[in-house]
ModelCIF file with pLDDT and N, C-alpha, C, O atoms, coordinates in Angstrom:
data_MODEL
#
_entry.id   MODEL 
#
_entity.id                         1 
_entity.type                       polymer 
_entity.pdbx_number_of_molecules   1 
#
_entity_poly.entity_id                      1 
_entity_poly.type                           'polypeptide(L)' 
_entity_poly.nstd_linkage                   no 
_entity_poly.nstd_monomer                   no 
_entity_poly.pdbx_seq_one_letter_code       HRIKIPTLGWVTLKEKGYLPTNANIYSIKSGFVSMKAGRYYVSVL 
_entity_poly.pdbx_seq_one_letter_code_can   HRIKIPTLGWVTLKEKGYLPTNANIYSIKSGFVSMKAGRYYVSVL 
_entity_poly.pdbx_strand_id                 A 
#
loop_
_entity_poly_seq.entity_id 
_entity_poly_seq.num 
_entity_poly_seq.mon_id 
_entity_poly_seq.hetero 
1 1  HIS n 
1 2  ARG n 
1 3  ILE n 
1 4  LYS n 
1 5  ILE n 
1 6  PRO n 
1 7  THR n 
1 8  LEU n 
1 9  GLY n 
1 10 TRP n 
1 11 VAL n 
1 12 THR n 
1 13 LEU n 
1 14 LYS n 
1 15 GLU n 
1 16 LYS n 
1 17 GLY n 
1 18 TYR n 
1 19 LEU n 
1 20 PRO n 
1 21 THR n 
1 22 ASN n 
1 23 ALA n 
1 24 ASN n 
1 25 ILE n 
1 26 TYR n 
1 27 SER n 
1 28 ILE n 
1 29 LYS n 
1 30 SER n 
1 31 GLY n 
1 32 PHE n 
1 33 VAL n 
1 34 SER n 
1 35 MET n 
1 36 LYS n 
1 37 ALA n 
1 38 GLY n 
1 39 ARG n 
1 40 TYR n 
1 41 TYR n 
1 42 VAL n 
1 43 SER n 
1 44 VAL n 
1 45 LEU n 
#
_struct_asym.id          A 
_struct_asym.entity_id   1 
#
loop_
_ma_qa_metric.id 
_ma_qa_metric.mode 
_ma_qa_metric.name 
_ma_qa_metric.software_group_id 
_ma_qa_metric.type 
1 global pLDDT . pLDDT 
2 local  pLDDT . pLDDT 
#
_ma_qa_metric_global.metric_id      1 
_ma_qa_metric_global.metric_value   91.82 
_ma_qa_metric_global.model_id       1 
_ma_qa_metric_global.ordinal_id     1 
#
loop_
_ma_qa_metric_local.label_asym_id 
_ma_qa_metric_local.label_comp_id 
_ma_qa_metric_local.label_seq_id 
_ma_qa_metric_local.metric_id 
_ma_qa_metric_local.metric_value 
_ma_qa_metric_local.model_id 
_ma_qa_metric_local.ordinal_id 
A HIS 1  2 93.00 1 1  
A ARG 2  2 94.00 1 2  
A ILE 3  2 94.00 1 3  
A LYS 4  2 93.00 1 4  
A ILE 5  2 93.00 1 5  
A PRO 6  2 90.00 1 6  
A THR 7  2 90.00 1 7  
A LEU 8  2 92.00 1 8  
A GLY 9  2 92.00 1 9  
A TRP 10 2 95.00 1 10 
A VAL 11 2 95.00 1 11 
A THR 12 2 95.00 1 12 
A LEU 13 2 95.00 1 13 
A LYS 14 2 94.00 1 14 
A GLU 15 2 92.00 1 15 
A LYS 16 2 92.00 1 16 
A GLY 17 2 89.00 1 17 
A TYR 18 2 92.00 1 18 
A LEU 19 2 92.00 1 19 
A PRO 20 2 90.00 1 20 
A THR 21 2 88.00 1 21 
A ASN 22 2 87.00 1 22 
A ALA 23 2 82.00 1 23 
A ASN 24 2 84.00 1 24 
A ILE 25 2 86.00 1 25 
A TYR 26 2 89.00 1 26 
A SER 27 2 89.00 1 27 
A ILE 28 2 91.00 1 28 
A LYS 29 2 91.00 1 29 
A SER 30 2 92.00 1 30 
A GLY 31 2 94.00 1 31 
A PHE 32 2 95.00 1 32 
A VAL 33 2 95.00 1 33 
A SER 34 2 94.00 1 34 
A MET 35 2 93.00 1 35 
A LYS 36 2 91.00 1 36 
A ALA 37 2 89.00 1 37 
A GLY 38 2 88.00 1 38 
A ARG 39 2 93.00 1 39 
A TYR 40 2 95.00 1 40 
A TYR 41 2 95.00 1 41 
A VAL 42 2 96.00 1 42 
A SER 43 2 95.00 1 43 
A VAL 44 2 94.00 1 44 
A LEU 45 2 94.00 1 45 
#
loop_
_atom_site.group_PDB 
_atom_site.id 
_atom_site.type_symbol 
_atom_site.label_atom_id 
_atom_site.label_alt_id 
_atom_site.label_comp_id 
_atom_site.label_asym_id 
_atom_site.label_entity_id 
_atom_site.label_seq_id 
_atom_site.pdbx_PDB_ins_code 
_atom_site.Cartn_x 
_atom_site.Cartn_y 
_atom_site.Cartn_z 
_atom_site.occupancy 
_atom_site.B_iso_or_equiv 
_atom_site.pdbx_formal_charge 
_atom_site.auth_seq_id 
_atom_site.auth_comp_id 
_atom_site.auth_asym_id 
_atom_site.auth_atom_id 
_atom_site.pdbx_PDB_model_num 
ATOM 1   N N  . HIS A 1 1  ? -198.263 -85.475 -63.041 1.00 93.00 ? 1  HIS A N  1 
ATOM 2   C CA . HIS A 1 1  ? -198.832 -84.706 -62.606 1.00 93.00 ? 1  HIS A CA 1 
ATOM 3   C C  . HIS A 1 1  ? -197.962 -83.081 -63.053 1.00 93.00 ? 1  HIS A C  1 
ATOM 4   O O  . HIS A 1 1  ? -198.450 -81.993 -62.746 1.00 93.00 ? 1  HIS A O  1 
ATOM 5   N N  . ARG A 1 2  ? -196.850 -83.205 -63.685 1.00 94.00 ? 2  ARG A N  1 
ATOM 6   C CA . ARG A 1 2  ? -195.935 -82.153 -64.073 1.00 94.00 ? 2  ARG A CA 1 
ATOM 7   C C  . ARG A 1 2  ? -194.876 -82.332 -65.354 1.00 94.00 ? 2  ARG A C  1 
ATOM 8   O O  . ARG A 1 2  ? -194.533 -83.472 -65.665 1.00 94.00 ? 2  ARG A O  1 
ATOM 9   N N  . ILE A 1 3  ? -194.515 -81.515 -65.872 1.00 94.00 ? 3  ILE A N  1 
ATOM 10  C CA . ILE A 1 3  ? -193.785 -81.372 -66.899 1.00 94.00 ? 3  ILE A CA 1 
ATOM 11  C C  . ILE A 1 3  ? -192.670 -80.527 -66.585 1.00 94.00 ? 3  ILE A C  1 
ATOM 12  O O  . ILE A 1 3  ? -192.783 -79.492 -65.929 1.00 94.00 ? 3  ILE A O  1 
ATOM 13  N N  . LYS A 1 4  ? -191.485 -81.013 -67.100 1.00 93.00 ? 4  LYS A N  1 
ATOM 14  C CA . LYS A 1 4  ? -189.926 -79.731 -67.105 1.00 93.00 ? 4  LYS A CA 1 
ATOM 15  C C  . LYS A 1 4  ? -189.647 -79.395 -68.238 1.00 93.00 ? 4  LYS A C  1 
ATOM 16  O O  . LYS A 1 4  ? -189.241 -79.981 -69.242 1.00 93.00 ? 4  LYS A O  1 
ATOM 17  N N  . ILE A 1 5  ? -190.000 -78.017 -67.887 1.00 93.00 ? 5  ILE A N  1 
ATOM 18  C CA . ILE A 1 5  ? -190.144 -77.215 -69.318 1.00 93.00 ? 5  ILE A CA 1 
ATOM 19  C C  . ILE A 1 5  ? -188.413 -76.614 -69.316 1.00 93.00 ? 5  ILE A C  1 
ATOM 20  O O  . ILE A 1 5  ? -187.922 -76.571 -68.188 1.00 93.00 ? 5  ILE A O  1 
ATOM 21  N N  . PRO A 1 6  ? -187.701 -76.265 -70.214 1.00 90.00 ? 6  PRO A N  1 
ATOM 22  C CA . PRO A 1 6  ? -186.496 -75.632 -70.384 1.00 90.00 ? 6  PRO A CA 1 
ATOM 23  C C  . PRO A 1 6  ? -186.292 -74.185 -69.761 1.00 90.00 ? 6  PRO A C  1 
ATOM 24  O O  . PRO A 1 6  ? -187.026 -73.346 -70.282 1.00 90.00 ? 6  PRO A O  1 
ATOM 25  N N  . THR A 1 7  ? -185.719 -73.859 -69.077 1.00 90.00 ? 7  THR A N  1 
ATOM 26  C CA . THR A 1 7  ? -185.848 -71.957 -68.659 1.00 90.00 ? 7  THR A CA 1 
ATOM 27  C C  . THR A 1 7  ? -186.860 -71.828 -67.761 1.00 90.00 ? 7  THR A C  1 
ATOM 28  O O  . THR A 1 7  ? -186.992 -70.729 -67.222 1.00 90.00 ? 7  THR A O  1 
ATOM 29  N N  . LEU A 1 8  ? -187.821 -72.971 -67.403 1.00 92.00 ? 8  LEU A N  1 
ATOM 30  C CA . LEU A 1 8  ? -188.781 -72.731 -66.381 1.00 92.00 ? 8  LEU A CA 1 
ATOM 31  C C  . LEU A 1 8  ? -188.757 -73.990 -65.518 1.00 92.00 ? 8  LEU A C  1 
ATOM 32  O O  . LEU A 1 8  ? -189.508 -73.860 -64.551 1.00 92.00 ? 8  LEU A O  1 
ATOM 33  N N  . GLY A 1 9  ? -188.238 -74.965 -65.554 1.00 92.00 ? 9  GLY A N  1 
ATOM 34  C CA . GLY A 1 9  ? -188.030 -76.227 -64.378 1.00 92.00 ? 9  GLY A CA 1 
ATOM 35  C C  . GLY A 1 9  ? -189.469 -76.914 -64.487 1.00 92.00 ? 9  GLY A C  1 
ATOM 36  O O  . GLY A 1 9  ? -189.926 -77.247 -65.580 1.00 92.00 ? 9  GLY A O  1 
ATOM 37  N N  . TRP A 1 10 ? -190.079 -77.083 -63.417 1.00 95.00 ? 10 TRP A N  1 
ATOM 38  C CA . TRP A 1 10 ? -191.096 -78.109 -63.130 1.00 95.00 ? 10 TRP A CA 1 
ATOM 39  C C  . TRP A 1 10 ? -192.486 -77.893 -63.300 1.00 95.00 ? 10 TRP A C  1 
ATOM 40  O O  . TRP A 1 10 ? -193.101 -77.823 -62.236 1.00 95.00 ? 10 TRP A O  1 
ATOM 41  N N  . VAL A 1 11 ? -193.101 -77.779 -64.248 1.00 95.00 ? 11 VAL A N  1 
ATOM 42  C CA . VAL A 1 11 ? -194.707 -76.539 -63.660 1.00 95.00 ? 11 VAL A CA 1 
ATOM 43  C C  . VAL A 1 11 ? -195.811 -77.740 -63.825 1.00 95.00 ? 11 VAL A C  1 
ATOM 44  O O  . VAL A 1 11 ? -195.951 -78.626 -64.668 1.00 95.00 ? 11 VAL A O  1 
ATOM 45  N N  . THR A 1 12 ? -196.440 -77.418 -62.795 1.00 95.00 ? 12 THR A N  1 
ATOM 46  C CA . THR A 1 12 ? -197.733 -78.292 -62.531 1.00 95.00 ? 12 THR A CA 1 
ATOM 47  C C  . THR A 1 12 ? -198.429 -78.458 -63.856 1.00 95.00 ? 12 THR A C  1 
ATOM 48  O O  . THR A 1 12 ? -198.436 -77.611 -64.749 1.00 95.00 ? 12 THR A O  1 
ATOM 49  N N  . LEU A 1 13 ? -199.087 -79.784 -63.896 1.00 95.00 ? 13 LEU A N  1 
ATOM 50  C CA . LEU A 1 13 ? -200.198 -79.972 -65.020 1.00 95.00 ? 13 LEU A CA 1 
ATOM 51  C C  . LEU A 1 13 ? -201.799 -79.801 -64.573 1.00 95.00 ? 13 LEU A C  1 
ATOM 52  O O  . LEU A 1 13 ? -202.224 -80.569 -63.710 1.00 95.00 ? 13 LEU A O  1 
ATOM 53  N N  . LYS A 1 14 ? -202.354 -79.177 -64.933 1.00 94.00 ? 14 LYS A N  1 
ATOM 54  C CA . LYS A 1 14 ? -203.978 -79.293 -64.949 1.00 94.00 ? 14 LYS A CA 1 
ATOM 55  C C  . LYS A 1 14 ? -204.807 -80.618 -64.570 1.00 94.00 ? 14 LYS A C  1 
ATOM 56  O O  . LYS A 1 14 ? -205.436 -80.948 -63.565 1.00 94.00 ? 14 LYS A O  1 
ATOM 57  N N  . GLU A 1 15 ? -204.527 -81.260 -65.854 1.00 92.00 ? 15 GLU A N  1 
ATOM 58  C CA . GLU A 1 15 ? -204.877 -82.607 -66.076 1.00 92.00 ? 15 GLU A CA 1 
ATOM 59  C C  . GLU A 1 15 ? -204.110 -83.695 -66.251 1.00 92.00 ? 15 GLU A C  1 
ATOM 60  O O  . GLU A 1 15 ? -203.428 -83.898 -67.255 1.00 92.00 ? 15 GLU A O  1 
ATOM 61  N N  . LYS A 1 16 ? -204.226 -84.711 -64.913 1.00 92.00 ? 16 LYS A N  1 
ATOM 62  C CA . LYS A 1 16 ? -202.817 -85.486 -64.468 1.00 92.00 ? 16 LYS A CA 1 
ATOM 63  C C  . LYS A 1 16 ? -203.316 -86.830 -65.520 1.00 92.00 ? 16 LYS A C  1 
ATOM 64  O O  . LYS A 1 16 ? -204.398 -87.302 -65.869 1.00 92.00 ? 16 LYS A O  1 
ATOM 65  N N  . GLY A 1 17 ? -201.853 -87.128 -65.790 1.00 89.00 ? 17 GLY A N  1 
ATOM 66  C CA . GLY A 1 17 ? -202.209 -88.038 -66.594 1.00 89.00 ? 17 GLY A CA 1 
ATOM 67  C C  . GLY A 1 17 ? -202.380 -88.001 -68.270 1.00 89.00 ? 17 GLY A C  1 
ATOM 68  O O  . GLY A 1 17 ? -202.040 -89.033 -68.848 1.00 89.00 ? 17 GLY A O  1 
ATOM 69  N N  . TYR A 1 18 ? -202.697 -87.297 -68.789 1.00 92.00 ? 18 TYR A N  1 
ATOM 70  C CA . TYR A 1 18 ? -202.712 -86.617 -69.660 1.00 92.00 ? 18 TYR A CA 1 
ATOM 71  C C  . TYR A 1 18 ? -201.657 -86.809 -70.981 1.00 92.00 ? 18 TYR A C  1 
ATOM 72  O O  . TYR A 1 18 ? -201.956 -87.460 -71.983 1.00 92.00 ? 18 TYR A O  1 
ATOM 73  N N  . LEU A 1 19 ? -200.500 -86.185 -70.800 1.00 92.00 ? 19 LEU A N  1 
ATOM 74  C CA . LEU A 1 19 ? -199.268 -86.159 -71.270 1.00 92.00 ? 19 LEU A CA 1 
ATOM 75  C C  . LEU A 1 19 ? -198.781 -87.649 -71.138 1.00 92.00 ? 19 LEU A C  1 
ATOM 76  O O  . LEU A 1 19 ? -198.949 -88.305 -70.110 1.00 92.00 ? 19 LEU A O  1 
ATOM 77  N N  . PRO A 1 20 ? -198.119 -88.158 -72.351 1.00 90.00 ? 20 PRO A N  1 
ATOM 78  C CA . PRO A 1 20 ? -197.573 -89.648 -71.960 1.00 90.00 ? 20 PRO A CA 1 
ATOM 79  C C  . PRO A 1 20 ? -195.908 -89.421 -71.141 1.00 90.00 ? 20 PRO A C  1 
ATOM 80  O O  . PRO A 1 20 ? -195.115 -88.504 -71.353 1.00 90.00 ? 20 PRO A O  1 
ATOM 81  N N  . THR A 1 21 ? -195.771 -90.442 -70.300 1.00 88.00 ? 21 THR A N  1 
ATOM 82  C CA . THR A 1 21 ? -194.698 -90.585 -69.819 1.00 88.00 ? 21 THR A CA 1 
ATOM 83  C C  . THR A 1 21 ? -193.550 -91.224 -69.783 1.00 88.00 ? 21 THR A C  1 
ATOM 84  O O  . THR A 1 21 ? -192.436 -90.816 -69.455 1.00 88.00 ? 21 THR A O  1 
ATOM 85  N N  . ASN A 1 22 ? -193.925 -92.317 -70.166 1.00 87.00 ? 22 ASN A N  1 
ATOM 86  C CA . ASN A 1 22 ? -192.977 -93.335 -70.583 1.00 87.00 ? 22 ASN A CA 1 
ATOM 87  C C  . ASN A 1 22 ? -191.819 -93.219 -71.643 1.00 87.00 ? 22 ASN A C  1 
ATOM 88  O O  . ASN A 1 22 ? -191.929 -93.593 -72.810 1.00 87.00 ? 22 ASN A O  1 
ATOM 89  N N  . ALA A 1 23 ? -190.656 -92.633 -71.071 1.00 82.00 ? 23 ALA A N  1 
ATOM 90  C CA . ALA A 1 23 ? -189.474 -92.184 -71.609 1.00 82.00 ? 23 ALA A CA 1 
ATOM 91  C C  . ALA A 1 23 ? -188.893 -93.362 -72.862 1.00 82.00 ? 23 ALA A C  1 
ATOM 92  O O  . ALA A 1 23 ? -188.126 -93.146 -73.800 1.00 82.00 ? 23 ALA A O  1 
ATOM 93  N N  . ASN A 1 24 ? -189.581 -94.646 -72.461 1.00 84.00 ? 24 ASN A N  1 
ATOM 94  C CA . ASN A 1 24 ? -188.831 -95.593 -73.158 1.00 84.00 ? 24 ASN A CA 1 
ATOM 95  C C  . ASN A 1 24 ? -189.242 -95.432 -74.727 1.00 84.00 ? 24 ASN A C  1 
ATOM 96  O O  . ASN A 1 24 ? -188.448 -95.288 -75.657 1.00 84.00 ? 24 ASN A O  1 
ATOM 97  N N  . ILE A 1 25 ? -190.698 -95.491 -74.813 1.00 86.00 ? 25 ILE A N  1 
ATOM 98  C CA . ILE A 1 25 ? -191.609 -95.543 -75.909 1.00 86.00 ? 25 ILE A CA 1 
ATOM 99  C C  . ILE A 1 25 ? -191.800 -93.828 -76.291 1.00 86.00 ? 25 ILE A C  1 
ATOM 100 O O  . ILE A 1 25 ? -191.431 -93.580 -77.439 1.00 86.00 ? 25 ILE A O  1 
ATOM 101 N N  . TYR A 1 26 ? -192.241 -92.796 -75.623 1.00 89.00 ? 26 TYR A N  1 
ATOM 102 C CA . TYR A 1 26 ? -192.635 -91.718 -75.946 1.00 89.00 ? 26 TYR A CA 1 
ATOM 103 C C  . TYR A 1 26 ? -191.288 -90.806 -75.898 1.00 89.00 ? 26 TYR A C  1 
ATOM 104 O O  . TYR A 1 26 ? -190.531 -90.940 -74.936 1.00 89.00 ? 26 TYR A O  1 
ATOM 105 N N  . SER A 1 27 ? -191.005 -89.928 -76.879 1.00 89.00 ? 27 SER A N  1 
ATOM 106 C CA . SER A 1 27 ? -190.324 -88.847 -76.723 1.00 89.00 ? 27 SER A CA 1 
ATOM 107 C C  . SER A 1 27 ? -190.804 -87.641 -77.058 1.00 89.00 ? 27 SER A C  1 
ATOM 108 O O  . SER A 1 27 ? -191.513 -87.495 -78.053 1.00 89.00 ? 27 SER A O  1 
ATOM 109 N N  . ILE A 1 28 ? -190.461 -86.636 -76.247 1.00 91.00 ? 28 ILE A N  1 
ATOM 110 C CA . ILE A 1 28 ? -190.975 -85.464 -76.162 1.00 91.00 ? 28 ILE A CA 1 
ATOM 111 C C  . ILE A 1 28 ? -190.192 -84.612 -77.137 1.00 91.00 ? 28 ILE A C  1 
ATOM 112 O O  . ILE A 1 28 ? -189.050 -84.441 -76.710 1.00 91.00 ? 28 ILE A O  1 
ATOM 113 N N  . LYS A 1 29 ? -190.419 -83.997 -78.341 1.00 91.00 ? 29 LYS A N  1 
ATOM 114 C CA . LYS A 1 29 ? -189.256 -83.176 -79.328 1.00 91.00 ? 29 LYS A CA 1 
ATOM 115 C C  . LYS A 1 29 ? -189.299 -82.032 -78.722 1.00 91.00 ? 29 LYS A C  1 
ATOM 116 O O  . LYS A 1 29 ? -188.333 -81.546 -78.132 1.00 91.00 ? 29 LYS A O  1 
ATOM 117 N N  . SER A 1 30 ? -190.601 -81.423 -78.830 1.00 92.00 ? 30 SER A N  1 
ATOM 118 C CA . SER A 1 30 ? -190.526 -79.902 -78.730 1.00 92.00 ? 30 SER A CA 1 
ATOM 119 C C  . SER A 1 30 ? -191.604 -79.535 -78.326 1.00 92.00 ? 30 SER A C  1 
ATOM 120 O O  . SER A 1 30 ? -192.490 -80.386 -78.245 1.00 92.00 ? 30 SER A O  1 
ATOM 121 N N  . GLY A 1 31 ? -191.935 -77.929 -77.875 1.00 94.00 ? 31 GLY A N  1 
ATOM 122 C CA . GLY A 1 31 ? -193.595 -77.806 -77.231 1.00 94.00 ? 31 GLY A CA 1 
ATOM 123 C C  . GLY A 1 31 ? -193.066 -76.150 -77.251 1.00 94.00 ? 31 GLY A C  1 
ATOM 124 O O  . GLY A 1 31 ? -191.937 -75.670 -77.349 1.00 94.00 ? 31 GLY A O  1 
ATOM 125 N N  . PHE A 1 32 ? -194.448 -75.509 -77.110 1.00 95.00 ? 32 PHE A N  1 
ATOM 126 C CA . PHE A 1 32 ? -194.549 -73.704 -76.678 1.00 95.00 ? 32 PHE A CA 1 
ATOM 127 C C  . PHE A 1 32 ? -195.042 -73.939 -75.852 1.00 95.00 ? 32 PHE A C  1 
ATOM 128 O O  . PHE A 1 32 ? -195.302 -75.093 -75.513 1.00 95.00 ? 32 PHE A O  1 
ATOM 129 N N  . VAL A 1 33 ? -195.473 -72.485 -74.973 1.00 95.00 ? 33 VAL A N  1 
ATOM 130 C CA . VAL A 1 33 ? -195.962 -72.391 -73.553 1.00 95.00 ? 33 VAL A CA 1 
ATOM 131 C C  . VAL A 1 33 ? -196.678 -71.179 -74.286 1.00 95.00 ? 33 VAL A C  1 
ATOM 132 O O  . VAL A 1 33 ? -196.123 -70.316 -74.964 1.00 95.00 ? 33 VAL A O  1 
ATOM 133 N N  . SER A 1 34 ? -198.117 -71.308 -73.985 1.00 94.00 ? 34 SER A N  1 
ATOM 134 C CA . SER A 1 34 ? -198.694 -69.690 -74.586 1.00 94.00 ? 34 SER A CA 1 
ATOM 135 C C  . SER A 1 34 ? -199.871 -69.487 -73.479 1.00 94.00 ? 34 SER A C  1 
ATOM 136 O O  . SER A 1 34 ? -200.150 -70.316 -72.613 1.00 94.00 ? 34 SER A O  1 
ATOM 137 N N  . MET A 1 35 ? -200.426 -68.391 -73.645 1.00 93.00 ? 35 MET A N  1 
ATOM 138 C CA . MET A 1 35 ? -201.254 -67.526 -72.904 1.00 93.00 ? 35 MET A CA 1 
ATOM 139 C C  . MET A 1 35 ? -202.812 -67.497 -73.680 1.00 93.00 ? 35 MET A C  1 
ATOM 140 O O  . MET A 1 35 ? -203.023 -67.358 -74.884 1.00 93.00 ? 35 MET A O  1 
ATOM 141 N N  . LYS A 1 36 ? -203.786 -67.668 -72.607 1.00 91.00 ? 36 LYS A N  1 
ATOM 142 C CA . LYS A 1 36 ? -204.777 -67.351 -73.525 1.00 91.00 ? 36 LYS A CA 1 
ATOM 143 C C  . LYS A 1 36 ? -205.917 -66.771 -72.450 1.00 91.00 ? 36 LYS A C  1 
ATOM 144 O O  . LYS A 1 36 ? -206.054 -67.608 -71.557 1.00 91.00 ? 36 LYS A O  1 
ATOM 145 N N  . ALA A 1 37 ? -206.798 -65.586 -72.240 1.00 89.00 ? 37 ALA A N  1 
ATOM 146 C CA . ALA A 1 37 ? -207.374 -65.334 -71.267 1.00 89.00 ? 37 ALA A CA 1 
ATOM 147 C C  . ALA A 1 37 ? -207.365 -65.649 -69.693 1.00 89.00 ? 37 ALA A C  1 
ATOM 148 O O  . ALA A 1 37 ? -208.139 -65.916 -68.774 1.00 89.00 ? 37 ALA A O  1 
ATOM 149 N N  . GLY A 1 38 ? -205.698 -65.405 -70.019 1.00 88.00 ? 38 GLY A N  1 
ATOM 150 C CA . GLY A 1 38 ? -205.574 -65.563 -68.398 1.00 88.00 ? 38 GLY A CA 1 
ATOM 151 C C  . GLY A 1 38 ? -204.978 -66.726 -68.144 1.00 88.00 ? 38 GLY A C  1 
ATOM 152 O O  . GLY A 1 38 ? -204.429 -66.835 -67.048 1.00 88.00 ? 38 GLY A O  1 
ATOM 153 N N  . ARG A 1 39 ? -204.952 -67.554 -68.831 1.00 93.00 ? 39 ARG A N  1 
ATOM 154 C CA . ARG A 1 39 ? -204.135 -69.178 -68.834 1.00 93.00 ? 39 ARG A CA 1 
ATOM 155 C C  . ARG A 1 39 ? -203.406 -69.482 -69.335 1.00 93.00 ? 39 ARG A C  1 
ATOM 156 O O  . ARG A 1 39 ? -203.349 -69.037 -70.482 1.00 93.00 ? 39 ARG A O  1 
ATOM 157 N N  . TYR A 1 40 ? -202.422 -70.345 -68.940 1.00 95.00 ? 40 TYR A N  1 
ATOM 158 C CA . TYR A 1 40 ? -201.397 -70.901 -69.344 1.00 95.00 ? 40 TYR A CA 1 
ATOM 159 C C  . TYR A 1 40 ? -201.552 -72.093 -69.937 1.00 95.00 ? 40 TYR A C  1 
ATOM 160 O O  . TYR A 1 40 ? -202.081 -72.934 -69.211 1.00 95.00 ? 40 TYR A O  1 
ATOM 161 N N  . TYR A 1 41 ? -201.132 -72.604 -71.514 1.00 95.00 ? 41 TYR A N  1 
ATOM 162 C CA . TYR A 1 41 ? -201.121 -73.780 -71.628 1.00 95.00 ? 41 TYR A CA 1 
ATOM 163 C C  . TYR A 1 41 ? -199.702 -74.454 -72.317 1.00 95.00 ? 41 TYR A C  1 
ATOM 164 O O  . TYR A 1 41 ? -198.887 -73.735 -72.895 1.00 95.00 ? 41 TYR A O  1 
ATOM 165 N N  . VAL A 1 42 ? -199.578 -75.468 -72.221 1.00 96.00 ? 42 VAL A N  1 
ATOM 166 C CA . VAL A 1 42 ? -198.191 -76.245 -72.709 1.00 96.00 ? 42 VAL A CA 1 
ATOM 167 C C  . VAL A 1 42 ? -198.527 -77.420 -74.269 1.00 96.00 ? 42 VAL A C  1 
ATOM 168 O O  . VAL A 1 42 ? -198.844 -78.608 -74.205 1.00 96.00 ? 42 VAL A O  1 
ATOM 169 N N  . SER A 1 43 ? -198.413 -76.957 -74.974 1.00 95.00 ? 43 SER A N  1 
ATOM 170 C CA . SER A 1 43 ? -198.300 -77.910 -76.429 1.00 95.00 ? 43 SER A CA 1 
ATOM 171 C C  . SER A 1 43 ? -196.939 -78.345 -76.536 1.00 95.00 ? 43 SER A C  1 
ATOM 172 O O  . SER A 1 43 ? -195.951 -77.611 -76.558 1.00 95.00 ? 43 SER A O  1 
ATOM 173 N N  . VAL A 1 44 ? -196.969 -79.829 -76.611 1.00 94.00 ? 44 VAL A N  1 
ATOM 174 C CA . VAL A 1 44 ? -195.872 -80.764 -77.085 1.00 94.00 ? 44 VAL A CA 1 
ATOM 175 C C  . VAL A 1 44 ? -196.213 -81.562 -78.419 1.00 94.00 ? 44 VAL A C  1 
ATOM 176 O O  . VAL A 1 44 ? -197.359 -81.706 -78.844 1.00 94.00 ? 44 VAL A O  1 
ATOM 177 N N  . LEU A 1 45 ? -195.326 -81.948 -78.884 1.00 94.00 ? 45 LEU A N  1 
ATOM 178 C CA . LEU A 1 45 ? -194.978 -82.746 -79.763 1.00 94.00 ? 45 LEU A CA 1 
ATOM 179 C C  . LEU A 1 45 ? -194.228 -83.980 -79.458 1.00 94.00 ? 45 LEU A C  1 
ATOM 180 O O  . LEU A 1 45 ? -193.902 -84.746 -80.366 1.00 94.00 ? 45 LEU A O  1 
#
């Protein structure tokens, strides 16, 4: 239900269980935080 973004800390996700959580299999390399129409989004590679 959350992701730890550098400089922001833990941020709550709207969609639970969408991002992969198993660190042994999946590795988050980088990402972006963006804004659109008053909403906030995170994109991860």
